Amino acid sequence: MPIVHFSVDWWKTLHQGATVFGPDRSIKIHGPMALTLFISFVGFTMLFFWILRARYRLEVRREMASSVTLDEALEARRREGALQ
């Protein structure tokens, strides 16, 4: 990963220069474009965590449903053993 990052500075003829931040960490991107980039970053991060939360809740519900089924199956097997 560092090679990919630093290749922009090492081989300037092959790659476009840094567009968002310069080597001295100064912002090189125009104001409205930086705002759009920031809003998009925040929006997609929030979307990611919302989907992650929904997926987690789905797995918890699925686990609860399967554990109820397992408990019922164990109880049925215990009743079978008690009848014999």
PDB file of N, CA and C in Angstrom:
ATOM      1  N   MET A   1       0.804  -1.193   0.000  1.00  0.00           N
ATOM      2  CA  MET A   1       0.000   0.000   0.000  1.00  0.00           C
ATOM      3  C   MET A   1       0.856   1.271   0.000  1.00  0.00           C
ATOM      4  N   PRO A   2       1.918   1.340   0.801  1.00  0.00           N
ATOM      5  CA  PRO A   2       2.729   2.563   0.768  1.00  0.00           C
ATOM      6  C   PRO A   2       3.361   2.812  -0.598  1.00  0.00           C
ATOM      7  N   ILE A   3       3.713   1.745  -1.306  1.00  0.00           N
ATOM      8  CA  ILE A   3       4.318   1.926  -2.631  1.00  0.00           C
ATOM      9  C   ILE A   3       3.332   2.603  -3.567  1.00  0.00           C
ATOM     10  N   VAL A   4       2.074   2.192  -3.499  1.00  0.00           N
ATOM     11  CA  VAL A   4       1.055   2.815  -4.347  1.00  0.00           C
ATOM     12  C   VAL A   4       0.914   4.290  -3.997  1.00  0.00           C
ATOM     13  N   HIS A   5       0.913   4.593  -2.709  1.00  0.00           N
ATOM     14  CA  HIS A   5       0.768   5.987  -2.270  1.00  0.00           C
ATOM     15  C   HIS A   5       1.954   6.840  -2.720  1.00  0.00           C
ATOM     16  N   PHE A   6       3.162   6.355  -2.472  1.00  0.00           N
ATOM     17  CA  PHE A   6       4.356   7.146  -2.779  1.00  0.00           C
ATOM     18  C   PHE A   6       4.732   7.118  -4.251  1.00  0.00           C
ATOM     19  N   SER A   7       4.164   6.212  -5.027  1.00  0.00           N
ATOM     20  CA  SER A   7       4.486   6.161  -6.458  1.00  0.00           C
ATOM     21  C   SER A   7       4.084   7.452  -7.162  1.00  0.00           C
ATOM     22  N   VAL A   8       3.107   8.154  -6.617  1.00  0.00           N
ATOM     23  CA  VAL A   8       2.691   9.438  -7.195  1.00  0.00           C
ATOM     24  C   VAL A   8       3.847  10.435  -7.147  1.00  0.00           C
ATOM     25  N   ASP A   9       4.605  10.426  -6.065  1.00  0.00           N
ATOM     26  CA  ASP A   9       5.738  11.345  -5.935  1.00  0.00           C
ATOM     27  C   ASP A   9       6.999  10.803  -6.620  1.00  0.00           C
ATOM     28  N   TRP A  10       7.177   9.493  -6.598  1.00  0.00           N
ATOM     29  CA  TRP A  10       8.399   8.904  -7.146  1.00  0.00           C
ATOM     30  C   TRP A  10       8.440   8.971  -8.676  1.00  0.00           C
ATOM     31  N   TRP A  11       7.326   8.611  -9.313  1.00  0.00           N
ATOM     32  CA  TRP A  11       7.284   8.565 -10.778  1.00  0.00           C
ATOM     33  C   TRP A  11       6.255   9.570 -11.271  1.00  0.00           C
ATOM     34  N   LYS A  12       6.623  10.820 -11.295  1.00  0.00           N
ATOM     35  CA  LYS A  12       5.693  11.891 -11.647  1.00  0.00           C
ATOM     36  C   LYS A  12       5.253  11.825 -13.102  1.00  0.00           C
ATOM     37  N   THR A  13       6.032  11.186 -13.950  1.00  0.00           N
ATOM     38  CA  THR A  13       5.639  11.109 -15.359  1.00  0.00           C
ATOM     39  C   THR A  13       4.543  10.084 -15.583  1.00  0.00           C
ATOM     40  N   LEU A  14       4.393   9.138 -14.689  1.00  0.00           N
ATOM     41  CA  LEU A  14       3.395   8.082 -14.861  1.00  0.00           C
ATOM     42  C   LEU A  14       2.072   8.385 -14.177  1.00  0.00           C
ATOM     43  N   HIS A  15       2.090   9.217 -13.160  1.00  0.00           N
ATOM     44  CA  HIS A  15       0.903   9.431 -12.340  1.00  0.00           C
ATOM     45  C   HIS A  15       0.565  10.908 -12.234  1.00  0.00           C
ATOM     46  N   GLN A  16      -0.705  11.141 -12.028  1.00  0.00           N
ATOM     47  CA  GLN A  16      -1.164  12.496 -11.748  1.00  0.00           C
ATOM     48  C   GLN A  16      -0.701  12.882 -10.354  1.00  0.00           C
ATOM     49  N   GLY A  17      -0.409  14.116 -10.138  1.00  0.00           N
ATOM     50  CA  GLY A  17       0.007  14.581  -8.818  1.00  0.00           C
ATOM     51  C   GLY A  17      -1.126  14.514  -7.810  1.00  0.00           C
ATOM     52  N   ALA A  18      -0.785  14.752  -6.567  1.00  0.00           N
ATOM     53  CA  ALA A  18      -1.789  14.730  -5.504  1.00  0.00           C
ATOM     54  C   ALA A  18      -2.852  15.786  -5.784  1.00  0.00           C
ATOM     55  N   THR A  19      -4.119  15.407  -5.650  1.00  0.00           N
ATOM     56  CA  THR A  19      -5.205  16.325  -5.993  1.00  0.00           C
ATOM     57  C   THR A  19      -5.886  16.920  -4.770  1.00  0.00           C
ATOM     58  N   VAL A  20      -5.970  16.181  -3.675  1.00  0.00           N
ATOM     59  CA  VAL A  20      -6.684  16.678  -2.505  1.00  0.00           C
ATOM     60  C   VAL A  20      -5.722  17.409  -1.573  1.00  0.00           C
ATOM     61  N   PHE A  21      -4.616  16.765  -1.199  1.00  0.00           N
ATOM     62  CA  PHE A  21      -3.632  17.367  -0.299  1.00  0.00           C
ATOM     63  C   PHE A  21      -2.275  17.393  -0.997  1.00  0.00           C
ATOM     64  N   GLY A  22      -1.546  18.478  -0.796  1.00  0.00           N
ATOM     65  CA  GLY A  22      -0.199  18.588  -1.323  1.00  0.00           C
ATOM     66  C   GLY A  22       0.793  17.904  -0.393  1.00  0.00           C
ATOM     67  N   PRO A  23       2.068  17.842  -0.779  1.00  0.00           N
ATOM     68  CA  PRO A  23       3.088  17.215   0.068  1.00  0.00           C
ATOM     69  C   PRO A  23       3.225  17.883   1.431  1.00  0.00           C
ATOM     70  N   ASP A  24       2.924  19.179   1.506  1.00  0.00           N
ATOM     71  CA  ASP A  24       3.010  19.887   2.789  1.00  0.00           C
ATOM     72  C   ASP A  24       1.669  19.891   3.525  1.00  0.00           C
ATOM     73  N   ARG A  25       0.757  19.009   3.130  1.00  0.00           N
ATOM     74  CA  ARG A  25      -0.582  18.841   3.741  1.00  0.00           C
ATOM     75  C   ARG A  25      -1.484  20.060   3.550  1.00  0.00           C
ATOM     76  N   SER A  26      -1.178  20.889   2.580  1.00  0.00           N
ATOM     77  CA  SER A  26      -2.072  22.006   2.283  1.00  0.00           C
ATOM     78  C   SER A  26      -3.173  21.501   1.343  1.00  0.00           C
ATOM     79  N   ILE A  27      -4.362  22.044   1.479  1.00  0.00           N
ATOM     80  CA  ILE A  27      -5.495  21.606   0.680  1.00  0.00           C
ATOM     81  C   ILE A  27      -5.359  22.169  -0.729  1.00  0.00           C
ATOM     82  N   LYS A  28      -5.411  21.289  -1.717  1.00  0.00           N
ATOM     83  CA  LYS A  28      -5.258  21.712  -3.099  1.00  0.00           C
ATOM     84  C   LYS A  28      -6.584  21.654  -3.863  1.00  0.00           C
ATOM     85  N   ILE A  29      -7.630  21.173  -3.235  1.00  0.00           N
ATOM     86  CA  ILE A  29      -8.913  20.994  -3.906  1.00  0.00           C
ATOM     87  C   ILE A  29      -9.746  22.260  -3.720  1.00  0.00           C
ATOM     88  N   HIS A  30     -10.561  22.590  -4.690  1.00  0.00           N
ATOM     89  CA  HIS A  30     -11.395  23.790  -4.653  1.00  0.00           C
ATOM     90  C   HIS A  30     -12.472  23.642  -3.585  1.00  0.00           C
ATOM     91  N   GLY A  31     -12.905  24.719  -2.970  1.00  0.00           N
ATOM     92  CA  GLY A  31     -13.848  24.722  -1.849  1.00  0.00           C
ATOM     93  C   GLY A  31     -15.124  23.926  -2.046  1.00  0.00           C
ATOM     94  N   PRO A  32     -15.936  24.211  -3.093  1.00  0.00           N
ATOM     95  CA  PRO A  32     -17.180  23.444  -3.267  1.00  0.00           C
ATOM     96  C   PRO A  32     -16.928  21.960  -3.516  1.00  0.00           C
ATOM     97  N   MET A  33     -15.832  21.645  -4.183  1.00  0.00           N
ATOM     98  CA  MET A  33     -15.527  20.241  -4.431  1.00  0.00           C
ATOM     99  C   MET A  33     -15.108  19.543  -3.133  1.00  0.00           C
ATOM    100  N   ALA A  34     -14.385  20.254  -2.255  1.00  0.00           N
ATOM    101  CA  ALA A  34     -14.004  19.692  -0.961  1.00  0.00           C
ATOM    102  C   ALA A  34     -15.236  19.461  -0.098  1.00  0.00           C
ATOM    103  N   LEU A  35     -16.176  20.388  -0.135  1.00  0.00           N
ATOM    104  CA  LEU A  35     -17.422  20.227   0.623  1.00  0.00           C
ATOM    105  C   LEU A  35     -18.202  19.023   0.118  1.00  0.00           C
ATOM    106  N   THR A  36     -18.291  18.870  -1.195  1.00  0.00           N
ATOM    107  CA  THR A  36     -18.988  17.722  -1.774  1.00  0.00           C
ATOM    108  C   THR A  36     -18.310  16.422  -1.380  1.00  0.00           C
ATOM    109  N   LEU A  37     -16.986  16.399  -1.420  1.00  0.00           N
ATOM    110  CA  LEU A  37     -16.235  15.211  -1.022  1.00  0.00           C
ATOM    111  C   LEU A  37     -16.501  14.876   0.438  1.00  0.00           C
ATOM    112  N   PHE A  38     -16.490  15.883   1.298  1.00  0.00           N
ATOM    113  CA  PHE A  38     -16.721  15.664   2.722  1.00  0.00           C
ATOM    114  C   PHE A  38     -18.138  15.157   2.988  1.00  0.00           C
ATOM    115  N   ILE A  39     -19.132  15.784   2.364  1.00  0.00           N
ATOM    116  CA  ILE A  39     -20.527  15.360   2.560  1.00  0.00           C
ATOM    117  C   ILE A  39     -20.722  13.931   2.063  1.00  0.00           C
ATOM    118  N   SER A  40     -20.140  13.596   0.932  1.00  0.00           N
ATOM    119  CA  SER A  40     -20.244  12.237   0.399  1.00  0.00           C
ATOM    120  C   SER A  40     -19.589  11.231   1.329  1.00  0.00           C
ATOM    121  N   PHE A  41     -18.426  11.583   1.852  1.00  0.00           N
ATOM    122  CA  PHE A  41     -17.727  10.695   2.777  1.00  0.00           C
ATOM    123  C   PHE A  41     -18.570  10.438   4.020  1.00  0.00           C
ATOM    124  N   VAL A  42     -19.106  11.484   4.597  1.00  0.00           N
ATOM    125  CA  VAL A  42     -19.941  11.342   5.795  1.00  0.00           C
ATOM    126  C   VAL A  42     -21.205  10.545   5.473  1.00  0.00           C
ATOM    127  N   GLY A  43     -21.826  10.839   4.342  1.00  0.00           N
ATOM    128  CA  GLY A  43     -23.053  10.139   3.956  1.00  0.00           C
ATOM    129  C   GLY A  43     -22.837   8.650   3.754  1.00  0.00           C
ATOM    130  N   PHE A  44     -21.784   8.281   3.033  1.00  0.00           N
ATOM    131  CA  PHE A  44     -21.533   6.867   2.795  1.00  0.00           C
ATOM    132  C   PHE A  44     -21.082   6.155   4.058  1.00  0.00           C
ATOM    133  N   THR A  45     -20.392   6.857   4.954  1.00  0.00           N
ATOM    134  CA  THR A  45     -20.016   6.251   6.226  1.00  0.00           C
ATOM    135  C   THR A  45     -21.260   5.971   7.063  1.00  0.00           C
ATOM    136  N   MET A  46     -22.184   6.918   7.098  1.00  0.00           N
ATOM    137  CA  MET A  46     -23.432   6.706   7.834  1.00  0.00           C
ATOM    138  C   MET A  46     -24.244   5.573   7.214  1.00  0.00           C
ATOM    139  N   LEU A  47     -24.292   5.520   5.887  1.00  0.00           N
ATOM    140  CA  LEU A  47     -24.999   4.437   5.212  1.00  0.00           C
ATOM    141  C   LEU A  47     -24.387   3.087   5.554  1.00  0.00           C
ATOM    142  N   PHE A  48     -23.061   3.008   5.563  1.00  0.00           N
ATOM    143  CA  PHE A  48     -22.377   1.766   5.918  1.00  0.00           C
ATOM    144  C   PHE A  48     -22.772   1.298   7.303  1.00  0.00           C
ATOM    145  N   PHE A  49     -22.730   2.214   8.294  1.00  0.00           N
ATOM    146  CA  PHE A  49     -23.062   1.813   9.657  1.00  0.00           C
ATOM    147  C   PHE A  49     -24.546   1.486   9.811  1.00  0.00           C
ATOM    148  N   TRP A  50     -25.411   2.142   9.053  1.00  0.00           N
ATOM    149  CA  TRP A  50     -26.837   1.810   9.104  1.00  0.00           C
ATOM    150  C   TRP A  50     -27.070   0.400   8.556  1.00  0.00           C
ATOM    151  N   ILE A  51     -26.430   0.070   7.434  1.00  0.00           N
ATOM    152  CA  ILE A  51     -26.566  -1.274   6.857  1.00  0.00           C
ATOM    153  C   ILE A  51     -25.941  -2.310   7.784  1.00  0.00           C
ATOM    154  N   LEU A  52     -24.807  -1.999   8.390  1.00  0.00           N
ATOM    155  CA  LEU A  52     -24.168  -2.910   9.337  1.00  0.00           C
ATOM    156  C   LEU A  52     -25.085  -3.180  10.527  1.00  0.00           C
ATOM    157  N   ARG A  53     -25.727  -2.142  11.039  1.00  0.00           N
ATOM    158  CA  ARG A  53     -26.651  -2.303  12.168  1.00  0.00           C
ATOM    159  C   ARG A  53     -27.851  -3.160  11.775  1.00  0.00           C
ATOM    160  N   ALA A  54     -28.397  -2.910  10.587  1.00  0.00           N
ATOM    161  CA  ALA A  54     -29.542  -3.703  10.119  1.00  0.00           C
ATOM    162  C   ALA A  54     -29.145  -5.169   9.957  1.00  0.00           C
ATOM    163  N   ARG A  55     -27.969  -5.409   9.425  1.00  0.00           N
ATOM    164  CA  ARG A  55     -27.493  -6.784   9.248  1.00  0.00           C
ATOM    165  C   ARG A  55     -27.274  -7.468  10.586  1.00  0.00           C
ATOM    166  N   TYR A  56     -26.744  -6.740  11.558  1.00  0.00           N
ATOM    167  CA  TYR A  56     -26.532  -7.295  12.891  1.00  0.00           C
ATOM    168  C   TYR A  56     -27.869  -7.663  13.537  1.00  0.00           C
ATOM    169  N   ARG A  57     -28.845  -6.764  13.431  1.00  0.00           N
ATOM    170  CA  ARG A  57     -30.162  -7.043  14.016  1.00  0.00           C
ATOM    171  C   ARG A  57     -30.813  -8.251  13.348  1.00  0.00           C
ATOM    172  N   LEU A  58     -30.630  -8.384  12.041  1.00  0.00           N
ATOM    173  CA  LEU A  58     -31.168  -9.542  11.330  1.00  0.00           C
ATOM    174  C   LEU A  58     -30.530 -10.835  11.830  1.00  0.00           C
ATOM    175  N   GLU A  59     -29.217 -10.824  12.032  1.00  0.00           N
ATOM    176  CA  GLU A  59     -28.533 -12.018  12.526  1.00  0.00           C
ATOM    177  C   GLU A  59     -28.975 -12.362  13.941  1.00  0.00           C
ATOM    178  N   VAL A  60     -29.196 -11.355  14.790  1.00  0.00           N
ATOM    179  CA  VAL A  60     -29.670 -11.621  16.151  1.00  0.00           C
ATOM    180  C   VAL A  60     -31.043 -12.276  16.100  1.00  0.00           C
ATOM    181  N   ARG A  61     -31.924 -11.757  15.259  1.00  0.00           N
ATOM    182  CA  ARG A  61     -33.259 -12.358  15.133  1.00  0.00           C
ATOM    183  C   ARG A  61     -33.192 -13.772  14.579  1.00  0.00           C
ATOM    184  N   ARG A  62     -32.321 -13.988  13.609  1.00  0.00           N
ATOM    185  CA  ARG A  62     -32.168 -15.325  13.032  1.00  0.00           C
ATOM    186  C   ARG A  62     -31.632 -16.291  14.076  1.00  0.00           C
ATOM    187  N   GLU A  63     -30.692 -15.845  14.887  1.00  0.00           N
ATOM    188  CA  GLU A  63     -30.124 -16.687  15.946  1.00  0.00           C
ATOM    189  C   GLU A  63     -31.185 -17.021  16.985  1.00  0.00           C
ATOM    190  N   MET A  64     -32.010 -16.040  17.352  1.00  0.00           N
ATOM    191  CA  MET A  64     -33.077 -16.300  18.318  1.00  0.00           C
ATOM    192  C   MET A  64     -34.079 -17.297  17.759  1.00  0.00           C
ATOM    193  N   ALA A  65     -34.411 -17.167  16.483  1.00  0.00           N
ATOM    194  CA  ALA A  65     -35.369 -18.093  15.870  1.00  0.00           C
ATOM    195  C   ALA A  65     -34.804 -19.500  15.803  1.00  0.00           C
ATOM    196  N   SER A  66     -33.537 -19.643  15.481  1.00  0.00           N
ATOM    197  CA  SER A  66     -32.947 -20.974  15.399  1.00  0.00           C
ATOM    198  C   SER A  66     -32.765 -21.585  16.779  1.00  0.00           C
ATOM    199  N   SER A  67     -32.498 -20.782  17.805  1.00  0.00           N
ATOM    200  CA  SER A  67     -32.340 -21.328  19.152  1.00  0.00           C
ATOM    201  C   SER A  67     -33.681 -21.810  19.697  1.00  0.00           C
ATOM    202  N   VAL A  68     -34.764 -21.129  19.358  1.00  0.00           N
ATOM    203  CA  VAL A  68     -36.090 -21.586  19.780  1.00  0.00           C
ATOM    204  C   VAL A  68     -36.384 -22.930  19.120  1.00  0.00           C
ATOM    205  N   THR A  69     -36.069 -23.059  17.863  1.00  0.00           N
ATOM    206  CA  THR A  69     -36.295 -24.311  17.152  1.00  0.00           C
ATOM    207  C   THR A  69     -35.443 -25.421  17.755  1.00  0.00           C
ATOM    208  N   LEU A  70     -34.206 -25.120  18.110  1.00  0.00           N
ATOM    209  CA  LEU A  70     -33.323 -26.100  18.721  1.00  0.00           C
ATOM    210  C   LEU A  70     -33.864 -26.527  20.076  1.00  0.00           C
ATOM    211  N   ASP A  71     -34.341 -25.584  20.875  1.00  0.00           N
ATOM    212  CA  ASP A  71     -34.911 -25.921  22.179  1.00  0.00           C
ATOM    213  C   ASP A  71     -36.136 -26.816  22.030  1.00  0.00           C
ATOM    214  N   GLU A  72     -36.973 -26.508  21.051  1.00  0.00           N
ATOM    215  CA  GLU A  72     -38.148 -27.350  20.818  1.00  0.00           C
ATOM    216  C   GLU A  72     -37.741 -28.750  20.382  1.00  0.00           C
ATOM    217  N   ALA A  73     -36.729 -28.865  19.544  1.00  0.00           N
ATOM    218  CA  ALA A  73     -36.264 -30.175  19.094  1.00  0.00           C
ATOM    219  C   ALA A  73     -35.681 -30.969  20.260  1.00  0.00           C
ATOM    220  N   LEU A  74     -34.924 -30.331  21.132  1.00  0.00           N
ATOM    221  CA  LEU A  74     -34.366 -31.021  22.294  1.00  0.00           C
ATOM    222  C   LEU A  74     -35.465 -31.490  23.235  1.00  0.00           C
ATOM    223  N   GLU A  75     -36.449 -30.654  23.425  1.00  0.00           N
ATOM    224  CA  GLU A  75     -37.564 -31.034  24.294  1.00  0.00           C
ATOM    225  C   GLU A  75     -38.321 -32.222  23.720  1.00  0.00           C
ATOM    226  N   ALA A  76     -38.520 -32.245  22.425  1.00  0.00           N
ATOM    227  CA  ALA A  76     -39.198 -33.373  21.781  1.00  0.00           C
ATOM    228  C   ALA A  76     -38.394 -34.654  21.962  1.00  0.00           C
ATOM    229  N   ARG A  77     -37.068 -34.589  21.840  1.00  0.00           N
ATOM    230  CA  ARG A  77     -36.224 -35.769  22.032  1.00  0.00           C
ATOM    231  C   ARG A  77     -36.272 -36.238  23.478  1.00  0.00           C
ATOM    232  N   ARG A  78     -36.332 -35.312  24.405  1.00  0.00           N
ATOM    233  CA  ARG A  78     -36.420 -35.700  25.822  1.00  0.00           C
ATOM    234  C   ARG A  78     -37.738 -36.410  26.098  1.00  0.00           C
ATOM    235  N   ARG A  79     -38.815 -35.925  25.482  1.00  0.00           N
ATOM    236  CA  ARG A  79     -40.120 -36.581  25.663  1.00  0.00           C
ATOM    237  C   ARG A  79     -40.117 -37.972  25.059  1.00  0.00           C
ATOM    238  N   GLU A  80     -39.443 -38.157  23.946  1.00  0.00           N
ATOM    239  CA  GLU A  80     -39.336 -39.483  23.334  1.00  0.00           C
ATOM    240  C   GLU A  80     -38.642 -40.456  24.285  1.00  0.00           C
ATOM    241  N   GLY A  81     -37.557 -39.978  24.936  1.00  0.00           N
ATOM    242  CA  GLY A  81     -36.818 -40.838  25.858  1.00  0.00           C
ATOM    243  C   GLY A  81     -37.628 -41.156  27.100  1.00  0.00           C
ATOM    244  N   ALA A  82     -38.483 -40.246  27.528  1.00  0.00           N
ATOM    245  CA  ALA A  82     -39.285 -40.463  28.730  1.00  0.00           C
ATOM    246  C   ALA A  82     -40.390 -41.482  28.475  1.00  0.00           C
ATOM    247  N   LEU A  83     -40.853 -41.595  27.234  1.00  0.00           N
ATOM    248  CA  LEU A  83     -41.925 -42.539  26.902  1.00  0.00           C
ATOM    249  C   LEU A  83     -41.433 -43.978  26.884  1.00  0.00           C
ATOM    250  N   GLN A  84     -40.169 -44.198  26.620  1.00  0.00           N
ATOM    251  CA  GLN A  84     -39.661 -45.578  26.494  1.00  0.00           C
ATOM    252  C   GLN A  84     -39.389 -46.214  27.809  1.00  0.00           C
TER     253      GLN A  84
END
